[in-house]
Amino acid sequence: KLENISYKMSLVKRISERASVLMFKSLENDKMKRIKKDELLAAVCIVLASREARIQFTFREISAACENVSKKEICRVYKQHERVLNKQVRGRTRLDLDQIRFDGMINRFTSKLCIEWSDRKKIRRLYNKVNKQSSLSTLNPLTRLACAIYMVIGEDKENCRMVSLVCKVSEHTIIRSTELITENISK
């Protein structure tokens, strides 16, 4: 199951190998014996391995690569077993998820959209500017990123559709949030 998910997500070999090690250790030590689905265990191990490598995959992206596992299941099991599996990772303490930045996601999404480096810098600046606005803190971080990409590459229907497909955020949400961001930044 792990190989299938890794193949569908086009994972780097380093992450898939680390996920297989985590999966083997968890099965060997019965740390995750409550999980009955092998695919769910594989998905959680991929999440842990990718976070350890500072590459942020959303639960939605991983659940899309799985056949019978929902995003909600992955999130629930990940939160339950994060402390158990990640207490000591290669001599380091458990990862603080607040420190994981969206740079990996920005690179992944912009490369899927074939966006130039100069525009990627603009997206990062705009995303950081939006994050500093306290009035926009209620927006989902993925929505903020999708809006930043949409605002930089141009606000038309085709770009909105492309950003929506890549970021997995609805077109309506992108358009409404872009209006909110533009309104707050212009103040």
N, C-alpha and C. Protein backbone atom coordinates (compact mmCIF):
# COMPACT_ATOMS: atom_id res chain seq x y z
N LYS A 1 0.83 -1.21 0.00
CA LYS A 1 0.00 0.00 0.00
C LYS A 1 0.86 1.26 0.00
N LEU A 2 1.95 1.22 0.75
CA LEU A 2 2.84 2.37 0.84
C LEU A 2 3.44 2.72 -0.52
N GLU A 3 3.84 1.71 -1.26
CA GLU A 3 4.43 1.94 -2.58
C GLU A 3 3.42 2.55 -3.53
N ASN A 4 2.16 2.10 -3.45
CA ASN A 4 1.13 2.64 -4.34
C ASN A 4 0.89 4.13 -4.06
N ILE A 5 0.80 4.47 -2.79
CA ILE A 5 0.57 5.87 -2.42
C ILE A 5 1.76 6.72 -2.83
N SER A 6 2.97 6.21 -2.58
CA SER A 6 4.19 6.94 -2.94
C SER A 6 4.25 7.17 -4.44
N TYR A 7 3.87 6.17 -5.21
CA TYR A 7 3.89 6.30 -6.67
C TYR A 7 2.86 7.32 -7.14
N LYS A 8 1.65 7.26 -6.59
CA LYS A 8 0.60 8.20 -7.00
C LYS A 8 0.95 9.64 -6.65
N MET A 9 1.67 9.84 -5.54
CA MET A 9 2.00 11.20 -5.11
C MET A 9 3.34 11.66 -5.68
N SER A 10 4.04 10.79 -6.38
CA SER A 10 5.38 11.09 -6.93
C SER A 10 6.32 11.55 -5.82
N LEU A 11 6.37 10.77 -4.75
CA LEU A 11 7.19 11.13 -3.60
C LEU A 11 8.66 10.94 -3.88
N VAL A 12 9.46 11.75 -3.24
CA VAL A 12 10.90 11.60 -3.30
C VAL A 12 11.27 10.29 -2.61
N LYS A 13 12.29 9.63 -3.08
CA LYS A 13 12.68 8.33 -2.55
C LYS A 13 12.99 8.40 -1.05
N ARG A 14 13.59 9.50 -0.64
CA ARG A 14 13.96 9.68 0.76
C ARG A 14 12.73 9.63 1.67
N ILE A 15 11.65 10.27 1.25
CA ILE A 15 10.43 10.29 2.07
C ILE A 15 9.78 8.91 2.09
N SER A 16 9.70 8.26 0.94
CA SER A 16 9.06 6.95 0.91
C SER A 16 9.86 5.92 1.71
N GLU A 17 11.18 6.03 1.67
CA GLU A 17 12.01 5.12 2.48
C GLU A 17 11.82 5.38 3.97
N ARG A 18 11.77 6.64 4.37
CA ARG A 18 11.58 6.98 5.77
C ARG A 18 10.20 6.53 6.24
N ALA A 19 9.20 6.69 5.37
CA ALA A 19 7.85 6.24 5.73
C ALA A 19 7.81 4.73 5.91
N SER A 20 8.53 4.00 5.08
CA SER A 20 8.55 2.54 5.23
C SER A 20 9.26 2.13 6.52
N VAL A 21 10.31 2.88 6.90
CA VAL A 21 10.98 2.60 8.17
C VAL A 21 10.04 2.87 9.34
N LEU A 22 9.33 4.00 9.29
CA LEU A 22 8.37 4.31 10.35
C LEU A 22 7.26 3.26 10.43
N MET A 23 6.82 2.81 9.27
CA MET A 23 5.77 1.81 9.24
C MET A 23 6.27 0.50 9.84
N PHE A 24 7.48 0.10 9.48
CA PHE A 24 8.06 -1.13 10.01
C PHE A 24 8.23 -1.05 11.53
N LYS A 25 8.75 0.08 12.00
CA LYS A 25 8.95 0.26 13.45
C LYS A 25 7.63 0.24 14.21
N SER A 26 6.62 0.88 13.63
CA SER A 26 5.34 0.93 14.33
C SER A 26 4.68 -0.44 14.37
N LEU A 27 4.82 -1.22 13.31
CA LEU A 27 4.26 -2.57 13.32
C LEU A 27 5.05 -3.50 14.23
N GLU A 28 6.37 -3.31 14.23
CA GLU A 28 7.24 -4.14 15.05
C GLU A 28 7.00 -3.93 16.54
N ASN A 29 6.82 -2.68 16.92
CA ASN A 29 6.64 -2.34 18.34
C ASN A 29 5.18 -2.27 18.76
N ASP A 30 4.27 -2.59 17.87
CA ASP A 30 2.83 -2.53 18.15
C ASP A 30 2.39 -1.16 18.64
N LYS A 31 3.04 -0.11 18.14
CA LYS A 31 2.67 1.24 18.56
C LYS A 31 1.34 1.67 17.95
N MET A 32 1.04 1.14 16.78
CA MET A 32 -0.18 1.55 16.10
C MET A 32 -1.08 0.34 15.86
N LYS A 33 -1.23 -0.51 16.84
CA LYS A 33 -1.98 -1.75 16.67
C LYS A 33 -3.48 -1.51 16.51
N ARG A 34 -3.95 -0.37 16.88
CA ARG A 34 -5.38 -0.09 16.77
C ARG A 34 -5.82 0.14 15.33
N ILE A 35 -4.89 0.48 14.45
CA ILE A 35 -5.23 0.78 13.07
C ILE A 35 -5.45 -0.54 12.33
N LYS A 36 -6.63 -0.69 11.75
CA LYS A 36 -6.95 -1.94 11.06
C LYS A 36 -6.70 -1.84 9.56
N LYS A 37 -6.69 -0.65 9.02
CA LYS A 37 -6.46 -0.49 7.59
C LYS A 37 -4.97 -0.27 7.34
N ASP A 38 -4.39 -1.08 6.48
CA ASP A 38 -2.97 -0.93 6.14
C ASP A 38 -2.73 0.38 5.41
N GLU A 39 -3.69 0.76 4.57
CA GLU A 39 -3.55 1.99 3.80
C GLU A 39 -3.55 3.22 4.70
N LEU A 40 -4.34 3.18 5.75
CA LEU A 40 -4.38 4.29 6.71
C LEU A 40 -3.04 4.41 7.44
N LEU A 41 -2.48 3.29 7.84
CA LEU A 41 -1.17 3.29 8.49
C LEU A 41 -0.11 3.84 7.54
N ALA A 42 -0.15 3.44 6.28
CA ALA A 42 0.81 3.93 5.29
C ALA A 42 0.66 5.44 5.09
N ALA A 43 -0.58 5.92 5.04
CA ALA A 43 -0.82 7.35 4.86
C ALA A 43 -0.27 8.16 6.03
N VAL A 44 -0.51 7.67 7.25
CA VAL A 44 -0.02 8.38 8.44
C VAL A 44 1.51 8.39 8.45
N CYS A 45 2.13 7.29 8.08
CA CYS A 45 3.60 7.24 8.04
C CYS A 45 4.16 8.19 6.98
N ILE A 46 3.46 8.34 5.86
CA ILE A 46 3.89 9.30 4.84
C ILE A 46 3.79 10.73 5.37
N VAL A 47 2.72 11.02 6.11
CA VAL A 47 2.58 12.35 6.70
C VAL A 47 3.74 12.62 7.66
N LEU A 48 4.03 11.67 8.52
CA LEU A 48 5.12 11.84 9.49
C LEU A 48 6.47 12.00 8.80
N ALA A 49 6.74 11.19 7.79
CA ALA A 49 8.01 11.26 7.08
C ALA A 49 8.15 12.58 6.31
N SER A 50 7.07 13.04 5.72
CA SER A 50 7.14 14.30 4.97
C SER A 50 7.30 15.49 5.91
N ARG A 51 6.66 15.46 7.06
CA ARG A 51 6.82 16.56 8.02
C ARG A 51 8.23 16.55 8.60
N GLU A 52 8.79 15.36 8.79
CA GLU A 52 10.16 15.27 9.28
C GLU A 52 11.13 15.87 8.27
N ALA A 53 10.85 15.69 6.99
CA ALA A 53 11.70 16.22 5.93
C ALA A 53 11.37 17.67 5.60
N ARG A 54 10.46 18.26 6.37
CA ARG A 54 10.04 19.66 6.18
C ARG A 54 9.36 19.89 4.83
N ILE A 55 8.67 18.86 4.35
CA ILE A 55 7.88 18.98 3.13
C ILE A 55 6.43 18.82 3.54
N GLN A 56 5.65 19.83 3.29
CA GLN A 56 4.28 19.85 3.78
C GLN A 56 3.33 19.33 2.72
N PHE A 57 2.72 18.18 2.96
CA PHE A 57 1.63 17.68 2.15
C PHE A 57 0.37 17.84 2.96
N THR A 58 -0.70 18.26 2.31
CA THR A 58 -1.96 18.37 3.04
C THR A 58 -2.57 16.99 3.19
N PHE A 59 -3.42 16.85 4.20
CA PHE A 59 -4.11 15.58 4.39
C PHE A 59 -4.99 15.28 3.18
N ARG A 60 -5.50 16.31 2.55
CA ARG A 60 -6.35 16.14 1.38
C ARG A 60 -5.55 15.55 0.21
N GLU A 61 -4.30 16.01 0.03
CA GLU A 61 -3.47 15.46 -1.04
C GLU A 61 -3.17 13.99 -0.81
N ILE A 62 -2.90 13.63 0.43
CA ILE A 62 -2.59 12.24 0.73
C ILE A 62 -3.82 11.36 0.61
N SER A 63 -4.97 11.86 1.07
CA SER A 63 -6.19 11.05 0.96
C SER A 63 -6.61 10.87 -0.49
N ALA A 64 -6.27 11.83 -1.35
CA ALA A 64 -6.58 11.69 -2.78
C ALA A 64 -5.77 10.56 -3.41
N ALA A 65 -4.57 10.32 -2.88
CA ALA A 65 -3.73 9.24 -3.40
C ALA A 65 -4.14 7.88 -2.85
N CYS A 66 -4.90 7.88 -1.77
CA CYS A 66 -5.37 6.62 -1.17
C CYS A 66 -6.69 6.21 -1.81
N GLU A 67 -7.00 4.93 -1.69
CA GLU A 67 -8.24 4.44 -2.28
C GLU A 67 -9.41 4.44 -1.29
N ASN A 68 -9.18 3.98 -0.08
CA ASN A 68 -10.28 3.79 0.86
C ASN A 68 -10.09 4.55 2.16
N VAL A 69 -9.32 5.63 2.14
CA VAL A 69 -9.03 6.36 3.37
C VAL A 69 -9.44 7.82 3.17
N SER A 70 -10.18 8.34 4.13
CA SER A 70 -10.62 9.73 4.03
C SER A 70 -9.63 10.67 4.72
N LYS A 71 -9.74 11.93 4.40
CA LYS A 71 -8.89 12.96 5.01
C LYS A 71 -9.11 12.99 6.52
N LYS A 72 -10.35 12.85 6.91
CA LYS A 72 -10.71 12.90 8.33
C LYS A 72 -10.04 11.78 9.11
N GLU A 73 -10.01 10.57 8.53
CA GLU A 73 -9.37 9.43 9.20
C GLU A 73 -7.87 9.65 9.36
N ILE A 74 -7.24 10.14 8.29
CA ILE A 74 -5.80 10.38 8.35
C ILE A 74 -5.47 11.41 9.42
N CYS A 75 -6.23 12.49 9.45
CA CYS A 75 -6.01 13.56 10.42
C CYS A 75 -6.19 13.05 11.85
N ARG A 76 -7.23 12.29 12.08
CA ARG A 76 -7.52 11.77 13.42
C ARG A 76 -6.40 10.85 13.91
N VAL A 77 -6.00 9.90 13.07
CA VAL A 77 -4.97 8.94 13.47
C VAL A 77 -3.62 9.62 13.60
N TYR A 78 -3.36 10.57 12.72
CA TYR A 78 -2.09 11.31 12.80
C TYR A 78 -1.97 12.02 14.14
N LYS A 79 -3.02 12.70 14.54
CA LYS A 79 -2.98 13.43 15.81
C LYS A 79 -2.86 12.49 17.00
N GLN A 80 -3.49 11.32 16.92
CA GLN A 80 -3.42 10.36 18.01
C GLN A 80 -2.00 9.79 18.17
N HIS A 81 -1.37 9.50 17.06
CA HIS A 81 -0.10 8.77 17.10
C HIS A 81 1.13 9.62 16.82
N GLU A 82 0.95 10.89 16.64
CA GLU A 82 2.09 11.77 16.37
C GLU A 82 3.09 11.73 17.53
N ARG A 83 2.59 11.84 18.71
CA ARG A 83 3.48 11.85 19.89
C ARG A 83 4.20 10.51 20.05
N VAL A 84 3.51 9.44 19.79
CA VAL A 84 4.11 8.11 19.97
C VAL A 84 5.25 7.87 18.99
N LEU A 85 5.02 8.18 17.72
CA LEU A 85 6.01 7.87 16.70
C LEU A 85 7.11 8.91 16.58
N ASN A 86 6.87 10.11 17.03
CA ASN A 86 7.82 11.18 16.77
C ASN A 86 8.52 11.70 18.01
N LYS A 87 8.55 10.95 19.09
CA LYS A 87 9.20 11.44 20.30
C LYS A 87 10.68 11.67 20.07
N GLN A 88 11.33 10.70 19.49
CA GLN A 88 12.74 10.85 19.14
C GLN A 88 12.93 10.49 17.67
N VAL A 89 13.24 11.47 16.86
CA VAL A 89 13.49 11.24 15.45
C VAL A 89 14.94 11.60 15.19
N ARG A 90 15.75 10.57 14.99
CA ARG A 90 17.19 10.76 14.71
C ARG A 90 17.85 11.67 15.73
N GLY A 91 17.58 11.46 17.00
CA GLY A 91 18.23 12.23 18.04
C GLY A 91 17.62 13.59 18.31
N ARG A 92 16.67 13.99 17.50
CA ARG A 92 16.01 15.27 17.72
C ARG A 92 14.71 15.05 18.45
N THR A 93 14.20 16.09 19.03
CA THR A 93 12.91 15.98 19.69
C THR A 93 11.80 16.11 18.66
N ARG A 94 10.59 15.90 19.10
CA ARG A 94 9.43 15.94 18.24
C ARG A 94 9.33 17.27 17.49
N LEU A 95 8.87 17.23 16.26
CA LEU A 95 8.76 18.42 15.43
C LEU A 95 7.64 19.32 15.93
N ASP A 96 7.88 20.61 15.87
CA ASP A 96 6.84 21.57 16.19
C ASP A 96 6.16 21.96 14.87
N LEU A 97 4.90 21.63 14.73
CA LEU A 97 4.22 21.84 13.46
C LEU A 97 4.06 23.30 13.11
N ASP A 98 4.11 24.19 14.11
CA ASP A 98 4.01 25.62 13.81
C ASP A 98 5.24 26.12 13.07
N GLN A 99 6.36 25.42 13.19
CA GLN A 99 7.59 25.85 12.53
C GLN A 99 7.63 25.45 11.06
N ILE A 100 6.77 24.52 10.68
CA ILE A 100 6.76 24.10 9.28
C ILE A 100 6.14 25.22 8.46
N ARG A 101 6.89 25.70 7.50
CA ARG A 101 6.43 26.85 6.73
C ARG A 101 5.82 26.40 5.42
N PHE A 102 5.20 27.30 4.76
CA PHE A 102 4.51 26.99 3.52
C PHE A 102 5.43 27.13 2.31
N ASP A 103 6.72 27.25 2.51
CA ASP A 103 7.63 27.38 1.37
C ASP A 103 7.56 26.16 0.46
N GLY A 104 7.49 24.99 1.05
CA GLY A 104 7.40 23.78 0.23
C GLY A 104 6.14 23.75 -0.60
N MET A 105 5.04 24.19 0.00
CA MET A 105 3.78 24.22 -0.75
C MET A 105 3.82 25.29 -1.83
N ILE A 106 4.42 26.42 -1.52
CA ILE A 106 4.52 27.48 -2.53
C ILE A 106 5.31 26.96 -3.72
N ASN A 107 6.44 26.31 -3.46
CA ASN A 107 7.25 25.77 -4.55
C ASN A 107 6.50 24.71 -5.34
N ARG A 108 5.81 23.81 -4.65
CA ARG A 108 5.10 22.74 -5.34
C ARG A 108 3.95 23.28 -6.19
N PHE A 109 3.14 24.16 -5.62
CA PHE A 109 1.99 24.68 -6.36
C PHE A 109 2.42 25.56 -7.53
N THR A 110 3.43 26.40 -7.31
CA THR A 110 3.86 27.28 -8.40
C THR A 110 4.56 26.50 -9.51
N SER A 111 5.25 25.42 -9.16
CA SER A 111 5.87 24.63 -10.22
C SER A 111 4.82 23.88 -11.02
N LYS A 112 3.74 23.44 -10.38
CA LYS A 112 2.65 22.79 -11.12
C LYS A 112 1.97 23.77 -12.07
N LEU A 113 1.95 25.05 -11.69
CA LEU A 113 1.32 26.08 -12.52
C LEU A 113 2.31 26.73 -13.49
N CYS A 114 3.57 26.29 -13.49
CA CYS A 114 4.63 26.83 -14.37
C CYS A 114 4.80 28.34 -14.18
N ILE A 115 4.94 28.76 -12.94
CA ILE A 115 5.10 30.17 -12.62
C ILE A 115 6.59 30.49 -12.51
N GLU A 116 6.98 31.64 -13.03
CA GLU A 116 8.39 32.05 -13.03
C GLU A 116 8.87 32.40 -11.63
N TRP A 117 10.22 32.40 -11.46
CA TRP A 117 10.81 32.67 -10.15
C TRP A 117 10.50 34.07 -9.65
N SER A 118 10.48 35.05 -10.54
CA SER A 118 10.18 36.42 -10.10
C SER A 118 8.77 36.51 -9.52
N ASP A 119 7.84 35.78 -10.11
CA ASP A 119 6.47 35.77 -9.59
C ASP A 119 6.38 34.98 -8.29
N ARG A 120 7.22 33.95 -8.14
CA ARG A 120 7.23 33.18 -6.88
C ARG A 120 7.66 34.07 -5.71
N LYS A 121 8.61 34.96 -5.96
CA LYS A 121 9.03 35.90 -4.92
C LYS A 121 7.88 36.83 -4.54
N LYS A 122 7.14 37.29 -5.55
CA LYS A 122 5.99 38.15 -5.29
C LYS A 122 4.93 37.41 -4.48
N ILE A 123 4.72 36.14 -4.80
CA ILE A 123 3.73 35.34 -4.08
C ILE A 123 4.15 35.19 -2.62
N ARG A 124 5.44 34.92 -2.38
CA ARG A 124 5.92 34.79 -1.00
C ARG A 124 5.73 36.09 -0.22
N ARG A 125 6.08 37.23 -0.86
CA ARG A 125 5.92 38.53 -0.19
C ARG A 125 4.46 38.79 0.13
N LEU A 126 3.59 38.55 -0.83
CA LEU A 126 2.16 38.79 -0.61
C LEU A 126 1.61 37.85 0.46
N TYR A 127 2.02 36.60 0.43
CA TYR A 127 1.56 35.63 1.43
C TYR A 127 2.00 36.05 2.83
N ASN A 128 3.24 36.48 2.97
CA ASN A 128 3.73 36.94 4.28
C ASN A 128 3.00 38.20 4.73
N LYS A 129 2.71 39.09 3.79
CA LYS A 129 1.97 40.32 4.12
C LYS A 129 0.56 39.98 4.60
N VAL A 130 -0.08 39.02 3.94
CA VAL A 130 -1.43 38.61 4.34
C VAL A 130 -1.39 37.95 5.71
N ASN A 131 -0.35 37.16 5.99
CA ASN A 131 -0.24 36.50 7.29
C ASN A 131 -0.09 37.49 8.44
N LYS A 132 0.51 38.64 8.17
CA LYS A 132 0.72 39.63 9.21
C LYS A 132 -0.54 40.40 9.55
N GLN A 133 -1.53 40.36 8.68
CA GLN A 133 -2.79 41.06 8.92
C GLN A 133 -3.62 40.30 9.96
N SER A 134 -3.88 40.90 11.09
CA SER A 134 -4.64 40.21 12.14
C SER A 134 -6.10 40.00 11.73
N SER A 135 -6.62 40.88 10.89
CA SER A 135 -8.03 40.75 10.48
C SER A 135 -8.24 39.58 9.53
N LEU A 136 -7.15 39.05 8.94
CA LEU A 136 -7.26 37.94 8.00
C LEU A 136 -6.85 36.61 8.63
N SER A 137 -6.67 36.59 9.94
CA SER A 137 -6.20 35.38 10.60
C SER A 137 -7.25 34.26 10.59
N THR A 138 -8.49 34.59 10.32
CA THR A 138 -9.53 33.57 10.30
C THR A 138 -9.51 32.75 9.01
N LEU A 139 -8.83 33.26 7.98
CA LEU A 139 -8.76 32.52 6.72
C LEU A 139 -7.86 31.31 6.86
N ASN A 140 -8.23 30.24 6.20
CA ASN A 140 -7.42 29.04 6.14
C ASN A 140 -6.08 29.37 5.47
N PRO A 141 -4.95 28.88 5.99
CA PRO A 141 -3.65 29.18 5.37
C PRO A 141 -3.56 28.74 3.91
N LEU A 142 -4.19 27.64 3.57
CA LEU A 142 -4.18 27.18 2.18
C LEU A 142 -4.98 28.13 1.29
N THR A 143 -6.05 28.67 1.83
CA THR A 143 -6.84 29.66 1.09
C THR A 143 -6.04 30.93 0.87
N ARG A 144 -5.30 31.36 1.91
CA ARG A 144 -4.46 32.55 1.77
C ARG A 144 -3.41 32.34 0.69
N LEU A 145 -2.82 31.16 0.66
CA LEU A 145 -1.81 30.86 -0.35
C LEU A 145 -2.43 30.84 -1.74
N ALA A 146 -3.59 30.22 -1.89
CA ALA A 146 -4.27 30.18 -3.19
C ALA A 146 -4.61 31.59 -3.66
N CYS A 147 -5.05 32.44 -2.75
CA CYS A 147 -5.37 33.82 -3.12
C CYS A 147 -4.13 34.60 -3.53
N ALA A 148 -3.02 34.38 -2.83
CA ALA A 148 -1.78 35.06 -3.18
C ALA A 148 -1.33 34.66 -4.58
N ILE A 149 -1.42 33.37 -4.90
CA ILE A 149 -1.05 32.91 -6.24
C ILE A 149 -1.98 33.51 -7.27
N TYR A 150 -3.26 33.50 -6.99
CA TYR A 150 -4.27 34.03 -7.91
C TYR A 150 -4.07 35.52 -8.16
N MET A 151 -3.75 36.27 -7.11
CA MET A 151 -3.57 37.71 -7.26
C MET A 151 -2.31 38.04 -8.07
N VAL A 152 -1.28 37.23 -7.94
CA VAL A 152 -0.03 37.52 -8.65
C VAL A 152 -0.12 37.11 -10.12
N ILE A 153 -0.70 35.94 -10.42
CA ILE A 153 -0.70 35.50 -11.82
C ILE A 153 -1.79 36.15 -12.65
N GLY A 154 -2.71 36.84 -12.01
CA GLY A 154 -3.74 37.56 -12.77
C GLY A 154 -5.11 37.06 -12.40
N GLU A 155 -6.02 37.98 -12.24
CA GLU A 155 -7.35 37.63 -11.76
C GLU A 155 -8.31 37.48 -12.95
N ASP A 156 -8.36 36.27 -13.52
CA ASP A 156 -9.37 35.95 -14.50
C ASP A 156 -9.87 34.52 -14.25
N LYS A 157 -10.94 34.14 -14.93
CA LYS A 157 -11.60 32.86 -14.63
C LYS A 157 -10.69 31.65 -14.87
N GLU A 158 -9.92 31.67 -15.94
CA GLU A 158 -9.06 30.52 -16.26
C GLU A 158 -7.98 30.33 -15.20
N ASN A 159 -7.36 31.44 -14.78
CA ASN A 159 -6.35 31.35 -13.71
C ASN A 159 -6.97 30.86 -12.41
N CYS A 160 -8.18 31.33 -12.12
CA CYS A 160 -8.87 30.91 -10.90
C CYS A 160 -9.13 29.40 -10.94
N ARG A 161 -9.53 28.90 -12.08
CA ARG A 161 -9.80 27.47 -12.22
C ARG A 161 -8.52 26.65 -12.03
N MET A 162 -7.42 27.11 -12.62
CA MET A 162 -6.14 26.40 -12.50
C MET A 162 -5.66 26.39 -11.05
N VAL A 163 -5.71 27.54 -10.38
CA VAL A 163 -5.29 27.64 -8.99
C VAL A 163 -6.18 26.77 -8.11
N SER A 164 -7.47 26.76 -8.41
CA SER A 164 -8.41 25.95 -7.66
C SER A 164 -8.08 24.46 -7.76
N LEU A 165 -7.74 24.00 -8.95
CA LEU A 165 -7.40 22.59 -9.14
C LEU A 165 -6.11 22.21 -8.44
N VAL A 166 -5.12 23.08 -8.50
CA VAL A 166 -3.82 22.76 -7.91
C VAL A 166 -3.86 22.84 -6.39
N CYS A 167 -4.48 23.89 -5.86
CA CYS A 167 -4.49 24.11 -4.41
C CYS A 167 -5.64 23.40 -3.70
N LYS A 168 -6.57 22.85 -4.45
CA LYS A 168 -7.73 22.15 -3.88
C LYS A 168 -8.58 23.08 -3.01
N VAL A 169 -8.78 24.30 -3.51
CA VAL A 169 -9.65 25.28 -2.86
C VAL A 169 -10.68 25.69 -3.91
N SER A 170 -11.93 25.82 -3.52
CA SER A 170 -12.98 26.12 -4.50
C SER A 170 -12.77 27.51 -5.11
N GLU A 171 -13.23 27.64 -6.34
CA GLU A 171 -13.10 28.92 -7.07
C GLU A 171 -13.82 30.04 -6.33
N HIS A 172 -14.99 29.74 -5.83
CA HIS A 172 -15.78 30.74 -5.10
C HIS A 172 -15.02 31.23 -3.87
N THR A 173 -14.41 30.32 -3.14
CA THR A 173 -13.64 30.70 -1.95
C THR A 173 -12.46 31.58 -2.33
N ILE A 174 -11.78 31.25 -3.42
CA ILE A 174 -10.64 32.05 -3.87
C ILE A 174 -11.09 33.47 -4.22
N ILE A 175 -12.16 33.59 -4.96
CA ILE A 175 -12.64 34.91 -5.39
C ILE A 175 -13.09 35.75 -4.19
N ARG A 176 -13.88 35.15 -3.31
CA ARG A 176 -14.35 35.90 -2.13
C ARG A 176 -13.20 36.30 -1.20
N SER A 177 -12.27 35.39 -0.99
CA SER A 177 -11.14 35.69 -0.10
C SER A 177 -10.22 36.72 -0.72
N THR A 178 -10.07 36.68 -2.05
CA THR A 178 -9.25 37.69 -2.73
C THR A 178 -9.84 39.08 -2.54
N GLU A 179 -11.17 39.18 -2.63
CA GLU A 179 -11.83 40.47 -2.38
C GLU A 179 -11.57 40.94 -0.96
N LEU A 180 -11.66 40.03 0.00
CA LEU A 180 -11.41 40.36 1.40
C LEU A 180 -9.97 40.79 1.63
N ILE A 181 -9.03 40.09 1.03
CA ILE A 181 -7.62 40.42 1.17
C ILE A 181 -7.31 41.78 0.55
N THR A 182 -7.84 42.01 -0.65
CA THR A 182 -7.61 43.30 -1.33
C THR A 182 -8.16 44.44 -0.51
N GLU A 183 -9.31 44.23 0.07
CA GLU A 183 -9.95 45.26 0.91
C GLU A 183 -9.12 45.55 2.15
N ASN A 184 -8.59 44.52 2.79
CA ASN A 184 -7.80 44.72 4.03
C ASN A 184 -6.40 45.26 3.77
N ILE A 185 -5.79 44.88 2.67
CA ILE A 185 -4.45 45.36 2.38
C ILE A 185 -4.46 46.81 1.96
N SER A 186 -5.53 47.23 1.26
CA SER A 186 -5.59 48.60 0.78
C SER A 186 -5.85 49.62 1.89
N LYS A 187 -6.27 49.14 3.07
CA LYS A 187 -6.54 50.06 4.19
C LYS A 187 -5.30 50.66 4.76
